[in-house]
Amino acid sequence: MQWTREAYRVSTDIDTFDFQVVHRYLSEVAYCSPGIAREKVERAARGSLAFGLFLHERQIGYARMITDAATFAYLADVFVLPEHQGAGLGTWMMQCVLAHPDLQGLRRMMLVTSDAHGLYARFGFHAPAHPERIMEKTGAP
């Protein structure tokens, strides 16, 4: 799928993604995946519903939904490169992500963020009603 706005494009065509850009951001800038291997970034993208944000043909953002496309989705690895932030592109990319047909009618979507609560609240995300029910097991980066 693809969405366009002026010179920008959001696409799910993973074959057009610049994984050098995605890997560099996730491994060097993102708090959630320091040092992650490029192979792991690409494997994660191919096992998810991935979205690339492009200015012309240059990748400037990324997001992925880990989903069964029936009941559940987990939003991860969302970013817009710093030099493109502040123009509403993160909001637009999230609108595109949430408009994808495979993400309609799900019982639950989840995410973890340390700094973008305001952005996600605009899309209906909120703190869990029962955080005591949520558990996690962490592993290798």
N, C-alpha and C. Protein backbone atom coordinates (compact mmCIF):
# COMPACT_ATOMS: atom_id res chain seq x y z
N MET A 1 0.84 -1.17 0.00
CA MET A 1 0.00 0.00 0.00
C MET A 1 0.88 1.24 0.00
N GLN A 2 0.28 2.33 -0.43
CA GLN A 2 1.03 3.56 -0.50
C GLN A 2 0.10 4.75 -0.29
N TRP A 3 0.60 5.75 0.43
CA TRP A 3 -0.09 7.01 0.65
C TRP A 3 0.87 8.12 0.24
N THR A 4 0.35 9.20 -0.34
CA THR A 4 1.20 10.31 -0.73
C THR A 4 0.66 11.63 -0.20
N ARG A 5 1.57 12.54 0.06
CA ARG A 5 1.25 13.90 0.50
C ARG A 5 2.39 14.79 0.01
N GLU A 6 2.09 15.62 -0.98
CA GLU A 6 3.09 16.48 -1.61
C GLU A 6 4.28 15.62 -2.05
N ALA A 7 5.49 15.93 -1.60
CA ALA A 7 6.68 15.18 -2.03
C ALA A 7 6.94 13.96 -1.14
N TYR A 8 6.03 13.67 -0.20
CA TYR A 8 6.23 12.59 0.76
C TYR A 8 5.40 11.37 0.38
N ARG A 9 5.89 10.22 0.82
CA ARG A 9 5.19 8.96 0.54
C ARG A 9 5.39 8.03 1.73
N VAL A 10 4.32 7.33 2.11
CA VAL A 10 4.40 6.23 3.07
C VAL A 10 4.09 4.97 2.28
N SER A 11 4.94 3.97 2.42
CA SER A 11 4.80 2.75 1.63
C SER A 11 5.03 1.51 2.49
N THR A 12 4.34 0.45 2.16
CA THR A 12 4.58 -0.85 2.79
C THR A 12 5.39 -1.77 1.88
N ASP A 13 5.90 -1.23 0.77
CA ASP A 13 6.72 -2.03 -0.15
C ASP A 13 8.13 -2.15 0.42
N ILE A 14 8.35 -3.19 1.18
CA ILE A 14 9.59 -3.38 1.92
C ILE A 14 10.82 -3.45 1.00
N ASP A 15 10.62 -3.80 -0.25
CA ASP A 15 11.74 -3.87 -1.18
C ASP A 15 12.29 -2.49 -1.53
N THR A 16 11.56 -1.43 -1.18
CA THR A 16 12.05 -0.06 -1.45
C THR A 16 12.70 0.56 -0.22
N PHE A 17 12.70 -0.14 0.91
CA PHE A 17 13.24 0.42 2.15
C PHE A 17 14.76 0.51 2.08
N ASP A 18 15.30 1.55 2.70
CA ASP A 18 16.74 1.72 2.82
C ASP A 18 17.12 1.24 4.22
N PHE A 19 17.49 -0.02 4.33
CA PHE A 19 17.77 -0.58 5.65
C PHE A 19 19.06 -0.03 6.26
N GLN A 20 19.89 0.62 5.48
CA GLN A 20 21.04 1.31 6.06
C GLN A 20 20.54 2.46 6.94
N VAL A 21 19.57 3.21 6.46
CA VAL A 21 18.98 4.32 7.23
C VAL A 21 18.25 3.79 8.45
N VAL A 22 17.42 2.77 8.25
CA VAL A 22 16.63 2.21 9.35
C VAL A 22 17.55 1.65 10.42
N HIS A 23 18.52 0.86 10.01
CA HIS A 23 19.44 0.25 10.98
C HIS A 23 20.24 1.31 11.73
N ARG A 24 20.76 2.28 11.01
CA ARG A 24 21.56 3.32 11.66
C ARG A 24 20.74 4.02 12.75
N TYR A 25 19.51 4.40 12.44
CA TYR A 25 18.69 5.08 13.44
C TYR A 25 18.39 4.16 14.62
N LEU A 26 17.93 2.95 14.33
CA LEU A 26 17.54 2.06 15.43
C LEU A 26 18.72 1.64 16.29
N SER A 27 19.88 1.46 15.69
CA SER A 27 21.03 0.99 16.47
C SER A 27 21.80 2.10 17.16
N GLU A 28 21.75 3.34 16.61
CA GLU A 28 22.57 4.41 17.15
C GLU A 28 21.79 5.51 17.86
N VAL A 29 20.50 5.68 17.54
CA VAL A 29 19.73 6.80 18.09
C VAL A 29 18.61 6.33 19.00
N ALA A 30 17.87 5.33 18.59
CA ALA A 30 16.69 4.88 19.34
C ALA A 30 17.08 4.30 20.70
N TYR A 31 16.32 4.65 21.72
CA TYR A 31 16.60 4.14 23.06
C TYR A 31 16.24 2.67 23.20
N CYS A 32 15.38 2.17 22.34
CA CYS A 32 14.84 0.81 22.51
C CYS A 32 15.71 -0.28 21.89
N SER A 33 16.69 0.08 21.07
CA SER A 33 17.43 -0.97 20.37
C SER A 33 18.90 -0.63 20.14
N PRO A 34 19.60 -0.12 21.15
CA PRO A 34 21.01 0.23 20.93
C PRO A 34 21.83 -0.99 20.50
N GLY A 35 22.60 -0.81 19.45
CA GLY A 35 23.49 -1.87 19.00
C GLY A 35 22.84 -3.02 18.27
N ILE A 36 21.56 -2.92 17.95
CA ILE A 36 20.89 -4.03 17.26
C ILE A 36 21.57 -4.31 15.92
N ALA A 37 21.68 -5.58 15.58
CA ALA A 37 22.33 -5.99 14.33
C ALA A 37 21.43 -5.67 13.13
N ARG A 38 22.05 -5.30 12.03
CA ARG A 38 21.28 -4.98 10.82
C ARG A 38 20.43 -6.16 10.37
N GLU A 39 20.98 -7.36 10.43
CA GLU A 39 20.23 -8.56 10.01
C GLU A 39 18.96 -8.70 10.83
N LYS A 40 19.04 -8.39 12.11
CA LYS A 40 17.88 -8.50 12.98
C LYS A 40 16.83 -7.43 12.64
N VAL A 41 17.29 -6.24 12.29
CA VAL A 41 16.37 -5.16 11.87
C VAL A 41 15.61 -5.58 10.62
N GLU A 42 16.31 -6.12 9.64
CA GLU A 42 15.67 -6.54 8.40
C GLU A 42 14.74 -7.72 8.62
N ARG A 43 15.16 -8.68 9.43
CA ARG A 43 14.31 -9.85 9.70
C ARG A 43 13.04 -9.43 10.42
N ALA A 44 13.18 -8.50 11.37
CA ALA A 44 12.00 -8.00 12.09
C ALA A 44 11.04 -7.29 11.14
N ALA A 45 11.58 -6.50 10.23
CA ALA A 45 10.73 -5.80 9.26
C ALA A 45 9.98 -6.78 8.37
N ARG A 46 10.68 -7.79 7.90
CA ARG A 46 10.05 -8.75 6.99
C ARG A 46 9.03 -9.64 7.70
N GLY A 47 9.11 -9.74 9.02
CA GLY A 47 8.13 -10.51 9.78
C GLY A 47 7.01 -9.67 10.34
N SER A 48 6.97 -8.41 9.94
CA SER A 48 5.98 -7.46 10.43
C SER A 48 5.29 -6.77 9.26
N LEU A 49 4.35 -5.93 9.58
CA LEU A 49 3.76 -5.03 8.60
C LEU A 49 4.54 -3.72 8.75
N ALA A 50 5.47 -3.49 7.83
CA ALA A 50 6.41 -2.37 7.96
C ALA A 50 6.00 -1.22 7.04
N PHE A 51 6.30 -0.01 7.52
CA PHE A 51 5.95 1.22 6.82
C PHE A 51 7.20 2.08 6.69
N GLY A 52 7.49 2.52 5.47
CA GLY A 52 8.59 3.44 5.26
C GLY A 52 8.05 4.81 4.89
N LEU A 53 8.64 5.85 5.45
CA LEU A 53 8.31 7.24 5.11
C LEU A 53 9.42 7.77 4.24
N PHE A 54 9.06 8.32 3.08
CA PHE A 54 10.04 8.76 2.10
C PHE A 54 9.79 10.21 1.69
N LEU A 55 10.87 10.94 1.47
CA LEU A 55 10.84 12.23 0.79
C LEU A 55 11.44 11.97 -0.57
N HIS A 56 10.62 12.06 -1.60
CA HIS A 56 11.00 11.60 -2.93
C HIS A 56 11.41 10.12 -2.78
N GLU A 57 12.63 9.76 -3.04
CA GLU A 57 13.05 8.36 -2.91
C GLU A 57 13.92 8.12 -1.68
N ARG A 58 14.12 9.13 -0.87
CA ARG A 58 15.00 9.02 0.31
C ARG A 58 14.17 8.65 1.53
N GLN A 59 14.55 7.57 2.21
CA GLN A 59 13.83 7.16 3.41
C GLN A 59 14.16 8.09 4.56
N ILE A 60 13.09 8.61 5.20
CA ILE A 60 13.27 9.55 6.31
C ILE A 60 12.51 9.12 7.56
N GLY A 61 11.81 7.99 7.49
CA GLY A 61 11.07 7.52 8.65
C GLY A 61 10.69 6.06 8.49
N TYR A 62 10.17 5.51 9.58
CA TYR A 62 9.90 4.07 9.61
C TYR A 62 8.96 3.76 10.78
N ALA A 63 8.18 2.75 10.62
CA ALA A 63 7.36 2.19 11.71
C ALA A 63 7.03 0.76 11.31
N ARG A 64 6.74 -0.06 12.32
CA ARG A 64 6.28 -1.41 11.99
C ARG A 64 5.27 -1.87 13.02
N MET A 65 4.32 -2.65 12.54
CA MET A 65 3.31 -3.27 13.38
C MET A 65 3.55 -4.77 13.36
N ILE A 66 3.70 -5.33 14.53
CA ILE A 66 3.80 -6.77 14.69
C ILE A 66 2.37 -7.22 14.95
N THR A 67 1.82 -8.03 14.06
CA THR A 67 0.38 -8.30 14.15
C THR A 67 0.01 -9.67 13.62
N ASP A 68 -1.11 -10.16 14.12
CA ASP A 68 -1.71 -11.36 13.54
C ASP A 68 -2.80 -10.98 12.54
N ALA A 69 -3.03 -9.67 12.36
CA ALA A 69 -4.00 -9.12 11.41
C ALA A 69 -5.43 -9.56 11.70
N ALA A 70 -5.68 -10.02 12.93
CA ALA A 70 -7.04 -10.43 13.30
C ALA A 70 -7.46 -9.85 14.65
N THR A 71 -6.57 -9.96 15.66
CA THR A 71 -6.96 -9.53 16.99
C THR A 71 -5.99 -8.60 17.68
N PHE A 72 -4.71 -8.60 17.30
CA PHE A 72 -3.70 -7.90 18.08
C PHE A 72 -2.62 -7.30 17.19
N ALA A 73 -2.10 -6.14 17.64
CA ALA A 73 -0.94 -5.53 16.97
C ALA A 73 -0.10 -4.79 18.01
N TYR A 74 1.19 -4.80 17.78
CA TYR A 74 2.14 -4.09 18.64
C TYR A 74 2.95 -3.15 17.76
N LEU A 75 2.88 -1.86 18.05
CA LEU A 75 3.60 -0.85 17.29
C LEU A 75 5.02 -0.72 17.82
N ALA A 76 5.99 -0.71 16.92
CA ALA A 76 7.40 -0.66 17.33
C ALA A 76 8.22 0.14 16.34
N ASP A 77 9.38 0.60 16.81
CA ASP A 77 10.44 1.16 15.98
C ASP A 77 9.99 2.38 15.17
N VAL A 78 9.15 3.21 15.72
CA VAL A 78 8.65 4.38 15.01
C VAL A 78 9.68 5.51 15.09
N PHE A 79 10.02 6.09 13.94
CA PHE A 79 10.88 7.26 13.96
C PHE A 79 10.71 8.09 12.69
N VAL A 80 11.00 9.36 12.82
CA VAL A 80 11.20 10.28 11.71
C VAL A 80 12.57 10.89 11.97
N LEU A 81 13.43 10.91 10.97
CA LEU A 81 14.77 11.45 11.16
C LEU A 81 14.68 12.87 11.73
N PRO A 82 15.59 13.20 12.65
CA PRO A 82 15.52 14.50 13.35
C PRO A 82 15.38 15.71 12.43
N GLU A 83 16.06 15.71 11.31
CA GLU A 83 16.00 16.88 10.43
C GLU A 83 14.65 17.04 9.73
N HIS A 84 13.76 16.06 9.87
CA HIS A 84 12.43 16.12 9.26
C HIS A 84 11.32 16.19 10.31
N GLN A 85 11.70 16.25 11.57
CA GLN A 85 10.70 16.33 12.63
C GLN A 85 10.15 17.75 12.71
N GLY A 86 8.95 17.85 13.27
CA GLY A 86 8.32 19.16 13.46
C GLY A 86 7.44 19.60 12.32
N ALA A 87 7.30 18.77 11.29
CA ALA A 87 6.47 19.12 10.13
C ALA A 87 5.20 18.29 10.06
N GLY A 88 4.88 17.57 11.15
CA GLY A 88 3.67 16.76 11.17
C GLY A 88 3.80 15.42 10.47
N LEU A 89 5.01 15.04 10.09
CA LEU A 89 5.20 13.79 9.35
C LEU A 89 4.97 12.56 10.22
N GLY A 90 5.34 12.63 11.50
CA GLY A 90 5.08 11.51 12.40
C GLY A 90 3.59 11.28 12.57
N THR A 91 2.85 12.35 12.69
CA THR A 91 1.39 12.25 12.80
C THR A 91 0.81 11.66 11.53
N TRP A 92 1.25 12.15 10.38
CA TRP A 92 0.75 11.63 9.11
C TRP A 92 1.11 10.16 8.93
N MET A 93 2.35 9.79 9.28
CA MET A 93 2.74 8.39 9.15
C MET A 93 1.85 7.51 10.04
N MET A 94 1.56 7.96 11.25
CA MET A 94 0.69 7.19 12.14
C MET A 94 -0.72 7.08 11.57
N GLN A 95 -1.23 8.13 10.93
CA GLN A 95 -2.54 8.06 10.29
C GLN A 95 -2.53 6.98 9.22
N CYS A 96 -1.46 6.93 8.45
CA CYS A 96 -1.34 5.91 7.40
C CYS A 96 -1.26 4.51 8.00
N VAL A 97 -0.43 4.34 9.02
CA VAL A 97 -0.29 3.04 9.68
C VAL A 97 -1.67 2.56 10.16
N LEU A 98 -2.36 3.41 10.87
CA LEU A 98 -3.63 3.00 11.47
C LEU A 98 -4.75 2.85 10.45
N ALA A 99 -4.56 3.37 9.24
CA ALA A 99 -5.55 3.21 8.18
C ALA A 99 -5.39 1.90 7.40
N HIS A 100 -4.29 1.20 7.63
CA HIS A 100 -4.03 -0.03 6.86
C HIS A 100 -5.15 -1.03 7.09
N PRO A 101 -5.67 -1.65 6.03
CA PRO A 101 -6.79 -2.60 6.17
C PRO A 101 -6.53 -3.76 7.13
N ASP A 102 -5.29 -4.24 7.23
CA ASP A 102 -4.99 -5.37 8.11
C ASP A 102 -5.06 -4.99 9.59
N LEU A 103 -5.17 -3.70 9.88
CA LEU A 103 -5.19 -3.25 11.28
C LEU A 103 -6.57 -2.77 11.72
N GLN A 104 -7.57 -3.07 10.92
CA GLN A 104 -8.93 -2.65 11.27
C GLN A 104 -9.62 -3.76 12.07
N GLY A 105 -10.38 -3.37 13.07
CA GLY A 105 -11.18 -4.32 13.85
C GLY A 105 -10.40 -5.15 14.85
N LEU A 106 -9.16 -4.78 15.14
CA LEU A 106 -8.37 -5.52 16.12
C LEU A 106 -8.91 -5.29 17.52
N ARG A 107 -8.76 -6.26 18.38
CA ARG A 107 -9.19 -6.12 19.77
C ARG A 107 -8.24 -5.26 20.58
N ARG A 108 -6.95 -5.27 20.24
CA ARG A 108 -5.99 -4.51 21.04
C ARG A 108 -4.77 -4.14 20.19
N MET A 109 -4.30 -2.91 20.42
CA MET A 109 -3.01 -2.46 19.91
C MET A 109 -2.23 -1.97 21.11
N MET A 110 -0.94 -2.25 21.11
CA MET A 110 -0.09 -1.82 22.22
C MET A 110 1.18 -1.20 21.67
N LEU A 111 1.86 -0.45 22.52
CA LEU A 111 3.15 0.12 22.20
C LEU A 111 3.85 0.48 23.50
N VAL A 112 5.13 0.73 23.39
CA VAL A 112 5.92 1.23 24.51
C VAL A 112 6.63 2.48 24.01
N THR A 113 6.57 3.55 24.80
CA THR A 113 7.26 4.78 24.43
C THR A 113 7.80 5.45 25.68
N SER A 114 8.90 6.15 25.53
CA SER A 114 9.43 6.91 26.66
C SER A 114 9.21 8.41 26.47
N ASP A 115 8.88 8.82 25.23
CA ASP A 115 8.83 10.26 24.98
C ASP A 115 7.74 10.74 24.03
N ALA A 116 6.89 9.89 23.55
CA ALA A 116 5.89 10.32 22.56
C ALA A 116 4.46 10.04 23.00
N HIS A 117 4.21 10.11 24.28
CA HIS A 117 2.87 9.83 24.79
C HIS A 117 1.82 10.73 24.15
N GLY A 118 2.14 12.01 23.98
CA GLY A 118 1.20 12.96 23.40
C GLY A 118 0.80 12.60 21.98
N LEU A 119 1.78 12.18 21.18
CA LEU A 119 1.48 11.77 19.81
C LEU A 119 0.52 10.60 19.80
N TYR A 120 0.83 9.57 20.56
CA TYR A 120 0.01 8.36 20.52
C TYR A 120 -1.35 8.55 21.18
N ALA A 121 -1.44 9.43 22.16
CA ALA A 121 -2.74 9.72 22.80
C ALA A 121 -3.72 10.29 21.77
N ARG A 122 -3.23 11.06 20.82
CA ARG A 122 -4.10 11.61 19.77
C ARG A 122 -4.76 10.52 18.93
N PHE A 123 -4.18 9.32 18.96
CA PHE A 123 -4.72 8.21 18.19
C PHE A 123 -5.45 7.19 19.07
N GLY A 124 -5.72 7.56 20.31
CA GLY A 124 -6.51 6.70 21.19
C GLY A 124 -5.70 5.78 22.08
N PHE A 125 -4.40 5.82 22.02
CA PHE A 125 -3.59 5.00 22.92
C PHE A 125 -3.61 5.63 24.31
N HIS A 126 -3.58 4.79 25.33
CA HIS A 126 -3.61 5.26 26.72
C HIS A 126 -2.90 4.24 27.59
N ALA A 127 -2.64 4.65 28.82
CA ALA A 127 -2.02 3.72 29.78
C ALA A 127 -2.96 2.52 29.95
N PRO A 128 -2.40 1.34 30.18
CA PRO A 128 -3.26 0.16 30.33
C PRO A 128 -4.17 0.27 31.56
N ALA A 129 -5.39 -0.19 31.39
CA ALA A 129 -6.35 -0.17 32.50
C ALA A 129 -5.91 -1.08 33.63
N HIS A 130 -5.21 -2.14 33.30
CA HIS A 130 -4.76 -3.11 34.30
C HIS A 130 -3.27 -3.40 34.10
N PRO A 131 -2.41 -2.45 34.46
CA PRO A 131 -0.97 -2.68 34.24
C PRO A 131 -0.45 -3.87 35.02
N GLU A 132 -1.12 -4.24 36.07
CA GLU A 132 -0.68 -5.39 36.86
C GLU A 132 -0.80 -6.70 36.08
N ARG A 133 -1.54 -6.69 34.99
CA ARG A 133 -1.68 -7.90 34.17
C ARG A 133 -0.58 -8.03 33.12
N ILE A 134 0.13 -6.95 32.89
CA ILE A 134 1.15 -6.95 31.83
C ILE A 134 2.46 -7.46 32.39
N MET A 135 3.05 -8.39 31.67
CA MET A 135 4.35 -8.94 32.05
C MET A 135 5.26 -8.89 30.84
N GLU A 136 6.54 -8.98 31.08
CA GLU A 136 7.47 -9.01 29.97
C GLU A 136 8.66 -9.91 30.31
N LYS A 137 9.29 -10.38 29.26
CA LYS A 137 10.52 -11.12 29.38
C LYS A 137 11.47 -10.48 28.38
N THR A 138 12.59 -9.98 28.85
CA THR A 138 13.52 -9.33 27.94
C THR A 138 14.65 -10.28 27.58
N GLY A 139 15.24 -10.01 26.44
CA GLY A 139 16.31 -10.88 25.95
C GLY A 139 17.38 -10.06 25.27
N ALA A 140 18.03 -10.68 24.33
CA ALA A 140 19.16 -10.06 23.61
C ALA A 140 18.66 -8.90 22.76
N PRO A 141 19.52 -7.87 22.56
CA PRO A 141 19.13 -6.71 21.74
C PRO A 141 18.89 -7.04 20.30
